[in-house]
Amino acid sequence: MTAAKLDNSESLSLLATRRSQNTMAMTGPGPLADELATMLRLAARVPDHGKLAPWRFLIIDGAGRNRAGEVCARVWAQKHPTADAKRLSIEMSRFLPAPLIVCVVSRAAPHVKIPEWEQVLSAGAVCMNLTIAACAMGFVTNWMTDWVAYDRDAMREFGLADHENIAGFIYIGHVAERAEDRIRPDMDAIVQRF
């Protein structure tokens, strides 16, 4: 007896056409509470050797976007005392374009059995699952890092522990006009057989 073949054409189409959208062009509305809960639940369905859940979510929306921008401007000003008002304004508005940003925090740590690298990869898979789930629900996304994701002082201000890192800020919203596809890798140049 053979199993019935599933029609995955919509999933394949999504994977074939999904692309990051410009965060500066994003607008609302953002996901409703139940939509966000679904996105996060789907994002967490990733390979996770040892069932460690070596990641967590930090939701940045509403007034939290302003507070996050204040963190960025403050840390930038501390590290760059000659920063002009224009640069500080850029940092203040860093999280304002999208109605929702999900910061995926990697909690990878030494473990007796599970390599840290596998835990980091799991956090990356969470980021990708989140982008796919959001796009499947009609939103657009952009997975960003920038200096904020690598600055230990900024991470502390965002409430991260010393062993935690930012795998990415996933911007989620809508755009009036979707970006055209970009050039993709030449498969012949990146595929080989062993």
N, C-alpha and C. Protein backbone atom coordinates (compact mmCIF):
# COMPACT_ATOMS: atom_id res chain seq x y z
N MET A 1 0.85 -1.17 0.00
CA MET A 1 0.00 0.00 0.00
C MET A 1 0.89 1.24 0.00
N THR A 2 0.61 2.18 -0.88
CA THR A 2 1.41 3.40 -0.94
C THR A 2 0.65 4.54 -0.28
N ALA A 3 1.41 5.43 0.33
CA ALA A 3 0.79 6.59 0.97
C ALA A 3 0.32 7.56 -0.10
N ALA A 4 -0.76 8.25 0.18
CA ALA A 4 -1.27 9.26 -0.75
C ALA A 4 -0.26 10.40 -0.84
N LYS A 5 -0.02 10.85 -2.05
CA LYS A 5 0.92 11.95 -2.26
C LYS A 5 0.26 13.26 -1.84
N LEU A 6 0.96 14.01 -1.01
CA LEU A 6 0.45 15.30 -0.56
C LEU A 6 0.64 16.35 -1.66
N ASP A 7 -0.27 17.29 -1.74
CA ASP A 7 -0.12 18.41 -2.66
C ASP A 7 0.62 19.52 -1.92
N ASN A 8 1.90 19.61 -2.17
CA ASN A 8 2.72 20.63 -1.52
C ASN A 8 3.07 21.77 -2.46
N SER A 9 2.28 21.95 -3.50
CA SER A 9 2.61 22.96 -4.51
C SER A 9 2.66 24.38 -3.92
N GLU A 10 1.77 24.69 -2.99
CA GLU A 10 1.79 26.02 -2.38
C GLU A 10 3.06 26.22 -1.56
N SER A 11 3.47 25.18 -0.83
CA SER A 11 4.71 25.28 -0.04
C SER A 11 5.91 25.46 -0.95
N LEU A 12 5.96 24.71 -2.01
CA LEU A 12 7.08 24.80 -2.95
C LEU A 12 7.09 26.16 -3.64
N SER A 13 5.94 26.68 -3.96
CA SER A 13 5.85 28.01 -4.58
C SER A 13 6.35 29.08 -3.63
N LEU A 14 5.97 28.97 -2.36
CA LEU A 14 6.44 29.92 -1.35
C LEU A 14 7.95 29.89 -1.25
N LEU A 15 8.52 28.70 -1.17
CA LEU A 15 9.97 28.58 -1.07
C LEU A 15 10.67 29.11 -2.31
N ALA A 16 10.04 28.96 -3.46
CA ALA A 16 10.64 29.40 -4.72
C ALA A 16 10.55 30.91 -4.93
N THR A 17 9.63 31.56 -4.24
CA THR A 17 9.42 32.99 -4.50
C THR A 17 9.69 33.88 -3.29
N ARG A 18 9.84 33.32 -2.11
CA ARG A 18 10.08 34.14 -0.91
C ARG A 18 11.38 34.92 -1.06
N ARG A 19 11.35 36.16 -0.65
CA ARG A 19 12.58 36.95 -0.61
C ARG A 19 12.45 38.01 0.46
N SER A 20 13.57 38.47 0.95
CA SER A 20 13.56 39.52 1.96
C SER A 20 13.06 40.82 1.36
N GLN A 21 12.34 41.58 2.17
CA GLN A 21 11.81 42.87 1.73
C GLN A 21 12.51 43.99 2.49
N ASN A 22 12.58 45.14 1.88
CA ASN A 22 13.21 46.31 2.47
C ASN A 22 12.47 46.71 3.75
N THR A 23 13.17 46.75 4.86
CA THR A 23 12.52 47.11 6.13
C THR A 23 11.98 48.53 6.11
N MET A 24 12.65 49.43 5.39
CA MET A 24 12.22 50.82 5.36
C MET A 24 10.89 50.99 4.61
N ALA A 25 10.52 50.00 3.81
CA ALA A 25 9.25 50.08 3.08
C ALA A 25 8.12 49.37 3.82
N MET A 26 8.42 48.78 4.96
CA MET A 26 7.41 48.02 5.69
C MET A 26 6.42 48.92 6.41
N THR A 27 5.18 48.44 6.47
CA THR A 27 4.13 49.13 7.20
C THR A 27 3.31 48.08 7.95
N GLY A 28 2.32 48.55 8.67
CA GLY A 28 1.41 47.65 9.36
C GLY A 28 0.27 47.27 8.46
N PRO A 29 -0.66 46.54 8.97
CA PRO A 29 -0.66 46.07 10.36
C PRO A 29 0.27 44.88 10.55
N GLY A 30 0.65 44.70 11.79
CA GLY A 30 1.44 43.54 12.15
C GLY A 30 0.55 42.37 12.48
N PRO A 31 1.14 41.26 12.81
CA PRO A 31 0.35 40.07 13.18
C PRO A 31 -0.48 40.32 14.43
N LEU A 32 -1.67 39.74 14.44
CA LEU A 32 -2.49 39.73 15.65
C LEU A 32 -1.86 38.75 16.64
N ALA A 33 -2.29 38.80 17.88
CA ALA A 33 -1.70 37.95 18.93
C ALA A 33 -1.75 36.47 18.56
N ASP A 34 -2.88 36.00 18.03
CA ASP A 34 -2.97 34.58 17.68
C ASP A 34 -2.10 34.25 16.48
N GLU A 35 -1.95 35.18 15.54
CA GLU A 35 -1.06 34.97 14.39
C GLU A 35 0.39 34.88 14.84
N LEU A 36 0.79 35.77 15.75
CA LEU A 36 2.15 35.73 16.27
C LEU A 36 2.40 34.43 17.02
N ALA A 37 1.44 34.00 17.82
CA ALA A 37 1.59 32.74 18.56
C ALA A 37 1.80 31.57 17.59
N THR A 38 1.05 31.57 16.50
CA THR A 38 1.22 30.52 15.49
C THR A 38 2.60 30.58 14.86
N MET A 39 3.04 31.78 14.49
CA MET A 39 4.37 31.95 13.90
C MET A 39 5.46 31.42 14.81
N LEU A 40 5.38 31.77 16.08
CA LEU A 40 6.42 31.35 17.03
C LEU A 40 6.38 29.84 17.25
N ARG A 41 5.18 29.28 17.31
CA ARG A 41 5.07 27.83 17.47
C ARG A 41 5.69 27.11 16.28
N LEU A 42 5.42 27.60 15.07
CA LEU A 42 5.99 27.00 13.87
C LEU A 42 7.50 27.23 13.81
N ALA A 43 7.94 28.40 14.23
CA ALA A 43 9.38 28.70 14.23
C ALA A 43 10.15 27.73 15.12
N ALA A 44 9.52 27.32 16.21
CA ALA A 44 10.19 26.45 17.17
C ALA A 44 10.23 24.98 16.73
N ARG A 45 9.60 24.66 15.61
CA ARG A 45 9.59 23.27 15.11
C ARG A 45 10.81 23.05 14.21
N VAL A 46 11.97 23.03 14.83
CA VAL A 46 13.22 22.88 14.09
C VAL A 46 14.02 21.71 14.67
N PRO A 47 15.02 21.24 13.92
CA PRO A 47 15.91 20.24 14.52
C PRO A 47 16.52 20.80 15.81
N ASP A 48 16.47 20.00 16.84
CA ASP A 48 16.92 20.45 18.16
C ASP A 48 17.47 19.22 18.90
N HIS A 49 18.70 18.86 18.57
CA HIS A 49 19.35 17.70 19.16
C HIS A 49 19.34 17.81 20.68
N GLY A 50 18.78 16.85 21.35
CA GLY A 50 18.73 16.85 22.81
C GLY A 50 17.54 17.60 23.39
N LYS A 51 16.68 18.15 22.52
CA LYS A 51 15.51 18.91 22.98
C LYS A 51 15.90 20.00 23.98
N LEU A 52 16.94 20.75 23.64
CA LEU A 52 17.43 21.80 24.54
C LEU A 52 16.69 23.13 24.38
N ALA A 53 16.04 23.33 23.23
CA ALA A 53 15.48 24.65 22.89
C ALA A 53 16.55 25.72 23.17
N PRO A 54 17.67 25.64 22.41
CA PRO A 54 18.78 26.56 22.68
C PRO A 54 18.56 27.94 22.04
N TRP A 55 17.35 28.45 22.17
CA TRP A 55 16.98 29.75 21.63
C TRP A 55 15.74 30.22 22.37
N ARG A 56 15.48 31.50 22.24
CA ARG A 56 14.27 32.09 22.82
C ARG A 56 13.90 33.30 21.97
N PHE A 57 12.70 33.84 22.22
CA PHE A 57 12.19 34.95 21.44
C PHE A 57 12.05 36.20 22.29
N LEU A 58 12.45 37.34 21.74
CA LEU A 58 12.25 38.64 22.36
C LEU A 58 11.38 39.45 21.39
N ILE A 59 10.16 39.76 21.79
CA ILE A 59 9.20 40.46 20.92
C ILE A 59 9.39 41.96 21.07
N ILE A 60 9.56 42.63 19.93
CA ILE A 60 9.71 44.08 19.92
C ILE A 60 8.58 44.65 19.07
N ASP A 61 7.60 45.24 19.73
CA ASP A 61 6.48 45.86 19.01
C ASP A 61 5.96 47.04 19.82
N GLY A 62 5.01 47.77 19.26
CA GLY A 62 4.44 48.91 19.97
C GLY A 62 5.51 49.85 20.49
N ALA A 63 5.35 50.27 21.74
CA ALA A 63 6.31 51.20 22.35
C ALA A 63 7.68 50.55 22.54
N GLY A 64 7.74 49.22 22.51
CA GLY A 64 9.02 48.53 22.61
C GLY A 64 9.96 48.88 21.48
N ARG A 65 9.42 49.22 20.31
CA ARG A 65 10.26 49.62 19.18
C ARG A 65 11.00 50.92 19.49
N ASN A 66 10.31 51.85 20.18
CA ASN A 66 10.98 53.10 20.58
C ASN A 66 12.06 52.84 21.63
N ARG A 67 11.73 51.98 22.61
CA ARG A 67 12.71 51.66 23.65
C ARG A 67 13.93 50.98 23.05
N ALA A 68 13.72 50.09 22.08
CA ALA A 68 14.84 49.42 21.42
C ALA A 68 15.71 50.43 20.67
N GLY A 69 15.07 51.41 20.02
CA GLY A 69 15.82 52.45 19.33
C GLY A 69 16.62 53.30 20.30
N GLU A 70 16.05 53.57 21.46
CA GLU A 70 16.77 54.33 22.49
C GLU A 70 18.02 53.58 22.94
N VAL A 71 17.90 52.27 23.08
CA VAL A 71 19.06 51.45 23.43
C VAL A 71 20.15 51.60 22.37
N CYS A 72 19.76 51.46 21.12
CA CYS A 72 20.74 51.55 20.02
C CYS A 72 21.41 52.91 20.00
N ALA A 73 20.64 53.99 20.13
CA ALA A 73 21.21 55.34 20.11
C ALA A 73 22.15 55.56 21.29
N ARG A 74 21.74 55.09 22.46
CA ARG A 74 22.56 55.27 23.67
C ARG A 74 23.88 54.53 23.56
N VAL A 75 23.84 53.26 23.14
CA VAL A 75 25.07 52.47 23.03
C VAL A 75 25.96 53.04 21.92
N TRP A 76 25.35 53.43 20.80
CA TRP A 76 26.14 54.00 19.71
C TRP A 76 26.85 55.28 20.18
N ALA A 77 26.11 56.14 20.89
CA ALA A 77 26.69 57.40 21.37
C ALA A 77 27.82 57.16 22.36
N GLN A 78 27.68 56.14 23.20
CA GLN A 78 28.75 55.82 24.15
C GLN A 78 30.02 55.38 23.44
N LYS A 79 29.86 54.64 22.35
CA LYS A 79 31.02 54.10 21.62
C LYS A 79 31.55 55.05 20.57
N HIS A 80 30.71 56.01 20.18
CA HIS A 80 31.09 56.98 19.15
C HIS A 80 30.72 58.39 19.65
N PRO A 81 31.53 58.95 20.55
CA PRO A 81 31.19 60.24 21.17
C PRO A 81 31.01 61.38 20.18
N THR A 82 31.58 61.24 18.99
CA THR A 82 31.43 62.32 18.00
C THR A 82 30.26 62.08 17.04
N ALA A 83 29.44 61.10 17.34
CA ALA A 83 28.29 60.80 16.47
C ALA A 83 27.40 62.02 16.35
N ASP A 84 26.98 62.32 15.12
CA ASP A 84 26.12 63.48 14.90
C ASP A 84 24.65 63.11 15.12
N ALA A 85 23.82 64.13 15.12
CA ALA A 85 22.39 63.93 15.37
C ALA A 85 21.74 63.05 14.32
N LYS A 86 22.21 63.15 13.08
CA LYS A 86 21.64 62.33 12.01
C LYS A 86 21.85 60.85 12.28
N ARG A 87 23.07 60.49 12.70
CA ARG A 87 23.36 59.07 12.99
C ARG A 87 22.54 58.59 14.19
N LEU A 88 22.45 59.41 15.21
CA LEU A 88 21.68 59.01 16.39
C LEU A 88 20.19 58.88 16.06
N SER A 89 19.71 59.70 15.14
CA SER A 89 18.32 59.59 14.70
C SER A 89 18.10 58.27 13.95
N ILE A 90 19.09 57.87 13.15
CA ILE A 90 19.01 56.58 12.45
C ILE A 90 18.90 55.45 13.46
N GLU A 91 19.71 55.51 14.51
CA GLU A 91 19.68 54.46 15.53
C GLU A 91 18.36 54.49 16.30
N MET A 92 17.85 55.69 16.57
CA MET A 92 16.57 55.81 17.29
C MET A 92 15.42 55.19 16.49
N SER A 93 15.51 55.26 15.18
CA SER A 93 14.41 54.77 14.35
C SER A 93 14.66 53.38 13.78
N ARG A 94 15.70 52.73 14.21
CA ARG A 94 16.10 51.41 13.68
C ARG A 94 14.95 50.40 13.67
N PHE A 95 14.12 50.38 14.69
CA PHE A 95 13.07 49.36 14.81
C PHE A 95 11.67 49.90 14.50
N LEU A 96 11.58 51.11 13.97
CA LEU A 96 10.27 51.71 13.73
C LEU A 96 9.57 51.29 12.44
N PRO A 97 10.28 50.98 11.36
CA PRO A 97 9.55 50.71 10.11
C PRO A 97 8.57 49.54 10.18
N ALA A 98 8.98 48.44 10.72
CA ALA A 98 8.10 47.26 10.77
C ALA A 98 7.24 47.32 12.04
N PRO A 99 6.00 46.84 11.95
CA PRO A 99 5.16 46.84 13.14
C PRO A 99 5.59 45.82 14.19
N LEU A 100 6.36 44.82 13.76
CA LEU A 100 6.80 43.77 14.68
C LEU A 100 8.20 43.31 14.31
N ILE A 101 9.03 43.19 15.31
CA ILE A 101 10.36 42.60 15.14
C ILE A 101 10.48 41.51 16.19
N VAL A 102 10.90 40.33 15.76
CA VAL A 102 11.16 39.24 16.70
C VAL A 102 12.67 39.04 16.74
N CYS A 103 13.23 39.24 17.91
CA CYS A 103 14.65 38.98 18.11
C CYS A 103 14.79 37.51 18.52
N VAL A 104 15.50 36.75 17.71
CA VAL A 104 15.75 35.34 18.04
C VAL A 104 17.09 35.29 18.77
N VAL A 105 17.03 34.85 20.01
CA VAL A 105 18.21 34.81 20.87
C VAL A 105 18.74 33.39 20.93
N SER A 106 19.99 33.23 20.58
CA SER A 106 20.65 31.92 20.68
C SER A 106 21.15 31.73 22.11
N ARG A 107 20.76 30.60 22.71
CA ARG A 107 21.20 30.28 24.07
C ARG A 107 22.22 29.14 24.05
N ALA A 108 22.89 28.98 22.93
CA ALA A 108 23.87 27.90 22.80
C ALA A 108 24.89 27.99 23.93
N ALA A 109 25.21 26.84 24.49
CA ALA A 109 26.14 26.78 25.61
C ALA A 109 26.82 25.41 25.62
N PRO A 110 27.97 25.32 26.25
CA PRO A 110 28.63 24.00 26.33
C PRO A 110 27.69 22.96 26.93
N HIS A 111 27.73 21.77 26.36
CA HIS A 111 26.87 20.69 26.80
C HIS A 111 27.67 19.40 26.74
N VAL A 112 27.41 18.47 27.63
CA VAL A 112 28.17 17.23 27.70
C VAL A 112 28.00 16.39 26.43
N LYS A 113 26.87 16.53 25.74
CA LYS A 113 26.60 15.68 24.58
C LYS A 113 26.35 16.46 23.28
N ILE A 114 25.71 17.61 23.38
CA ILE A 114 25.28 18.34 22.19
C ILE A 114 26.30 19.43 21.85
N PRO A 115 26.94 19.33 20.67
CA PRO A 115 27.92 20.37 20.30
C PRO A 115 27.26 21.75 20.23
N GLU A 116 28.00 22.76 20.66
CA GLU A 116 27.49 24.12 20.64
C GLU A 116 27.11 24.55 19.22
N TRP A 117 27.89 24.12 18.24
CA TRP A 117 27.62 24.49 16.86
C TRP A 117 26.23 24.01 16.43
N GLU A 118 25.83 22.81 16.85
CA GLU A 118 24.50 22.32 16.51
C GLU A 118 23.42 23.19 17.13
N GLN A 119 23.67 23.69 18.30
CA GLN A 119 22.72 24.57 18.97
C GLN A 119 22.59 25.91 18.23
N VAL A 120 23.72 26.42 17.74
CA VAL A 120 23.71 27.67 16.97
C VAL A 120 22.93 27.47 15.66
N LEU A 121 23.19 26.33 15.00
CA LEU A 121 22.47 26.03 13.76
C LEU A 121 20.97 25.93 14.02
N SER A 122 20.58 25.39 15.16
CA SER A 122 19.17 25.29 15.49
C SER A 122 18.54 26.68 15.61
N ALA A 123 19.27 27.63 16.20
CA ALA A 123 18.75 29.01 16.30
C ALA A 123 18.60 29.62 14.91
N GLY A 124 19.54 29.33 14.01
CA GLY A 124 19.42 29.82 12.64
C GLY A 124 18.20 29.22 11.95
N ALA A 125 17.95 27.95 12.22
CA ALA A 125 16.77 27.30 11.64
C ALA A 125 15.49 27.93 12.17
N VAL A 126 15.49 28.36 13.43
CA VAL A 126 14.33 29.06 13.99
C VAL A 126 14.08 30.34 13.21
N CYS A 127 15.14 31.09 12.93
CA CYS A 127 14.98 32.33 12.16
C CYS A 127 14.36 32.06 10.80
N MET A 128 14.85 31.03 10.12
CA MET A 128 14.31 30.73 8.79
C MET A 128 12.87 30.23 8.87
N ASN A 129 12.58 29.36 9.84
CA ASN A 129 11.20 28.90 9.99
C ASN A 129 10.25 30.07 10.26
N LEU A 130 10.72 31.02 11.06
CA LEU A 130 9.88 32.18 11.37
C LEU A 130 9.61 33.00 10.11
N THR A 131 10.62 33.20 9.28
CA THR A 131 10.41 33.96 8.05
C THR A 131 9.44 33.22 7.13
N ILE A 132 9.58 31.92 7.02
CA ILE A 132 8.69 31.13 6.16
C ILE A 132 7.25 31.16 6.71
N ALA A 133 7.10 30.97 8.01
CA ALA A 133 5.75 30.99 8.61
C ALA A 133 5.09 32.34 8.39
N ALA A 134 5.81 33.42 8.63
CA ALA A 134 5.24 34.76 8.45
C ALA A 134 4.83 35.00 7.00
N CYS A 135 5.70 34.61 6.07
CA CYS A 135 5.38 34.79 4.65
C CYS A 135 4.18 33.94 4.24
N ALA A 136 4.10 32.72 4.78
CA ALA A 136 2.97 31.85 4.46
C ALA A 136 1.65 32.44 4.97
N MET A 137 1.75 33.29 5.99
CA MET A 137 0.55 33.91 6.56
C MET A 137 0.25 35.27 5.93
N GLY A 138 0.98 35.61 4.86
CA GLY A 138 0.67 36.83 4.13
C GLY A 138 1.50 38.04 4.49
N PHE A 139 2.49 37.89 5.35
CA PHE A 139 3.36 39.00 5.73
C PHE A 139 4.63 38.97 4.90
N VAL A 140 5.43 40.02 5.00
CA VAL A 140 6.77 40.03 4.42
C VAL A 140 7.76 40.12 5.58
N THR A 141 8.99 39.72 5.30
CA THR A 141 9.98 39.67 6.37
C THR A 141 11.35 40.14 5.89
N ASN A 142 12.20 40.39 6.86
CA ASN A 142 13.62 40.61 6.60
C ASN A 142 14.38 40.16 7.85
N TRP A 143 15.34 39.28 7.66
CA TRP A 143 16.18 38.78 8.75
C TRP A 143 17.42 39.66 8.78
N MET A 144 17.54 40.47 9.83
CA MET A 144 18.63 41.44 9.95
C MET A 144 19.51 41.12 11.15
N THR A 145 20.73 41.61 11.09
CA THR A 145 21.62 41.58 12.25
C THR A 145 22.13 43.00 12.49
N ASP A 146 23.12 43.45 11.75
CA ASP A 146 23.77 44.75 11.89
C ASP A 146 24.58 44.76 13.20
N TRP A 147 25.18 45.89 13.51
CA TRP A 147 26.10 45.97 14.63
C TRP A 147 25.44 45.61 15.96
N VAL A 148 24.15 45.89 16.08
CA VAL A 148 23.44 45.65 17.34
C VAL A 148 23.50 44.18 17.75
N ALA A 149 23.48 43.29 16.78
CA ALA A 149 23.47 41.86 17.06
C ALA A 149 24.83 41.35 17.52
N TYR A 150 25.86 42.18 17.41
CA TYR A 150 27.21 41.72 17.77
C TYR A 150 27.83 42.55 18.89
N ASP A 151 27.13 43.52 19.37
CA ASP A 151 27.66 44.41 20.41
C ASP A 151 27.20 43.92 21.78
N ARG A 152 28.16 43.52 22.60
CA ARG A 152 27.84 42.93 23.90
C ARG A 152 27.11 43.93 24.80
N ASP A 153 27.45 45.21 24.75
CA ASP A 153 26.74 46.20 25.58
C ASP A 153 25.29 46.32 25.14
N ALA A 154 25.05 46.35 23.83
CA ALA A 154 23.67 46.42 23.33
C ALA A 154 22.91 45.17 23.74
N MET A 155 23.56 44.01 23.62
CA MET A 155 22.89 42.76 24.00
C MET A 155 22.47 42.78 25.47
N ARG A 156 23.35 43.28 26.33
CA ARG A 156 23.00 43.36 27.76
C ARG A 156 21.79 44.27 27.96
N GLU A 157 21.76 45.40 27.24
CA GLU A 157 20.62 46.34 27.36
C GLU A 157 19.32 45.69 26.89
N PHE A 158 19.43 44.74 25.96
CA PHE A 158 18.25 44.01 25.49
C PHE A 158 17.90 42.85 26.42
N GLY A 159 18.67 42.68 27.49
CA GLY A 159 18.35 41.66 28.48
C GLY A 159 18.98 40.30 28.23
N LEU A 160 19.98 40.23 27.35
CA LEU A 160 20.64 38.96 27.09
C LEU A 160 21.67 38.65 28.16
N ALA A 161 21.79 37.38 28.50
CA ALA A 161 22.83 36.92 29.42
C ALA A 161 24.16 36.89 28.66
N ASP A 162 25.25 36.80 29.39
CA ASP A 162 26.58 36.85 28.76
C ASP A 162 26.82 35.71 27.78
N HIS A 163 26.17 34.56 27.98
CA HIS A 163 26.39 33.44 27.07
C HIS A 163 25.43 33.46 25.87
N GLU A 164 24.48 34.40 25.87
CA GLU A 164 23.50 34.46 24.79
C GLU A 164 23.97 35.39 23.67
N ASN A 165 23.46 35.12 22.46
CA ASN A 165 23.78 35.93 21.29
C ASN A 165 22.52 36.16 20.47
N ILE A 166 22.56 37.15 19.61
CA ILE A 166 21.42 37.43 18.75
C ILE A 166 21.63 36.72 17.42
N ALA A 167 20.73 35.78 17.12
CA ALA A 167 20.78 35.08 15.84
C ALA A 167 20.20 35.96 14.75
N GLY A 168 19.28 36.82 15.10
CA GLY A 168 18.73 37.73 14.12
C GLY A 168 17.52 38.48 14.64
N PHE A 169 17.29 39.63 14.00
CA PHE A 169 16.07 40.40 14.21
C PHE A 169 15.21 40.12 12.99
N ILE A 170 14.05 39.51 13.18
CA ILE A 170 13.15 39.21 12.07
C ILE A 170 12.09 40.29 12.02
N TYR A 171 12.20 41.17 11.03
CA TYR A 171 11.22 42.24 10.82
C TYR A 171 10.02 41.64 10.08
N ILE A 172 8.82 41.92 10.57
CA ILE A 172 7.60 41.36 9.98
C ILE A 172 6.58 42.47 9.76
N GLY A 173 6.06 42.55 8.55
CA GLY A 173 5.07 43.58 8.25
C GLY A 173 4.46 43.37 6.88
N HIS A 174 4.12 44.46 6.25
CA HIS A 174 3.56 44.45 4.89
C HIS A 174 4.33 45.48 4.07
N VAL A 175 4.27 45.36 2.76
CA VAL A 175 4.82 46.37 1.85
C VAL A 175 3.78 46.65 0.77
N ALA A 176 3.82 47.88 0.25
CA ALA A 176 2.90 48.24 -0.82
C ALA A 176 3.27 47.52 -2.11
N GLU A 177 4.57 47.39 -2.33
CA GLU A 177 5.05 46.74 -3.55
C GLU A 177 6.22 45.83 -3.20
N ARG A 178 6.09 44.57 -3.54
CA ARG A 178 7.14 43.61 -3.21
C ARG A 178 8.37 43.82 -4.09
N ALA A 179 9.53 43.61 -3.50
CA ALA A 179 10.78 43.76 -4.23
C ALA A 179 10.92 42.67 -5.29
N GLU A 180 11.57 43.02 -6.38
CA GLU A 180 11.83 42.03 -7.43
C GLU A 180 12.85 41.03 -6.90
N ASP A 181 12.84 39.85 -7.49
CA ASP A 181 13.78 38.83 -7.06
C ASP A 181 15.20 39.28 -7.37
N ARG A 182 16.13 38.80 -6.60
CA ARG A 182 17.54 39.12 -6.82
C ARG A 182 18.21 37.97 -7.56
N ILE A 183 19.43 38.18 -7.99
CA ILE A 183 20.18 37.12 -8.65
C ILE A 183 20.46 36.02 -7.64
N ARG A 184 20.21 34.80 -8.02
CA ARG A 184 20.43 33.65 -7.15
C ARG A 184 21.69 32.91 -7.57
N PRO A 185 22.25 32.08 -6.68
CA PRO A 185 23.50 31.39 -7.00
C PRO A 185 23.36 30.49 -8.23
N ASP A 186 24.46 30.37 -8.97
CA ASP A 186 24.54 29.44 -10.08
C ASP A 186 24.69 28.05 -9.48
N MET A 187 23.66 27.22 -9.62
CA MET A 187 23.68 25.91 -8.97
C MET A 187 24.84 25.04 -9.44
N ASP A 188 25.23 25.15 -10.71
CA ASP A 188 26.36 24.37 -11.22
C ASP A 188 27.65 24.72 -10.50
N ALA A 189 27.73 25.96 -9.99
CA ALA A 189 28.96 26.40 -9.31
C ALA A 189 29.01 25.97 -7.85
N ILE A 190 27.86 25.59 -7.29
CA ILE A 190 27.85 25.27 -5.85
C ILE A 190 27.43 23.84 -5.53
N VAL A 191 27.18 23.03 -6.55
CA VAL A 191 26.77 21.64 -6.33
C VAL A 191 27.83 20.72 -6.90
N GLN A 192 28.28 19.77 -6.09
CA GLN A 192 29.20 18.75 -6.57
C GLN A 192 28.85 17.41 -5.92
N ARG A 193 29.29 16.36 -6.50
CA ARG A 193 29.07 15.03 -5.94
C ARG A 193 30.37 14.50 -5.36
N PHE A 194 30.24 13.74 -4.32
CA PHE A 194 31.41 13.12 -3.68
C PHE A 194 31.57 11.72 -4.21
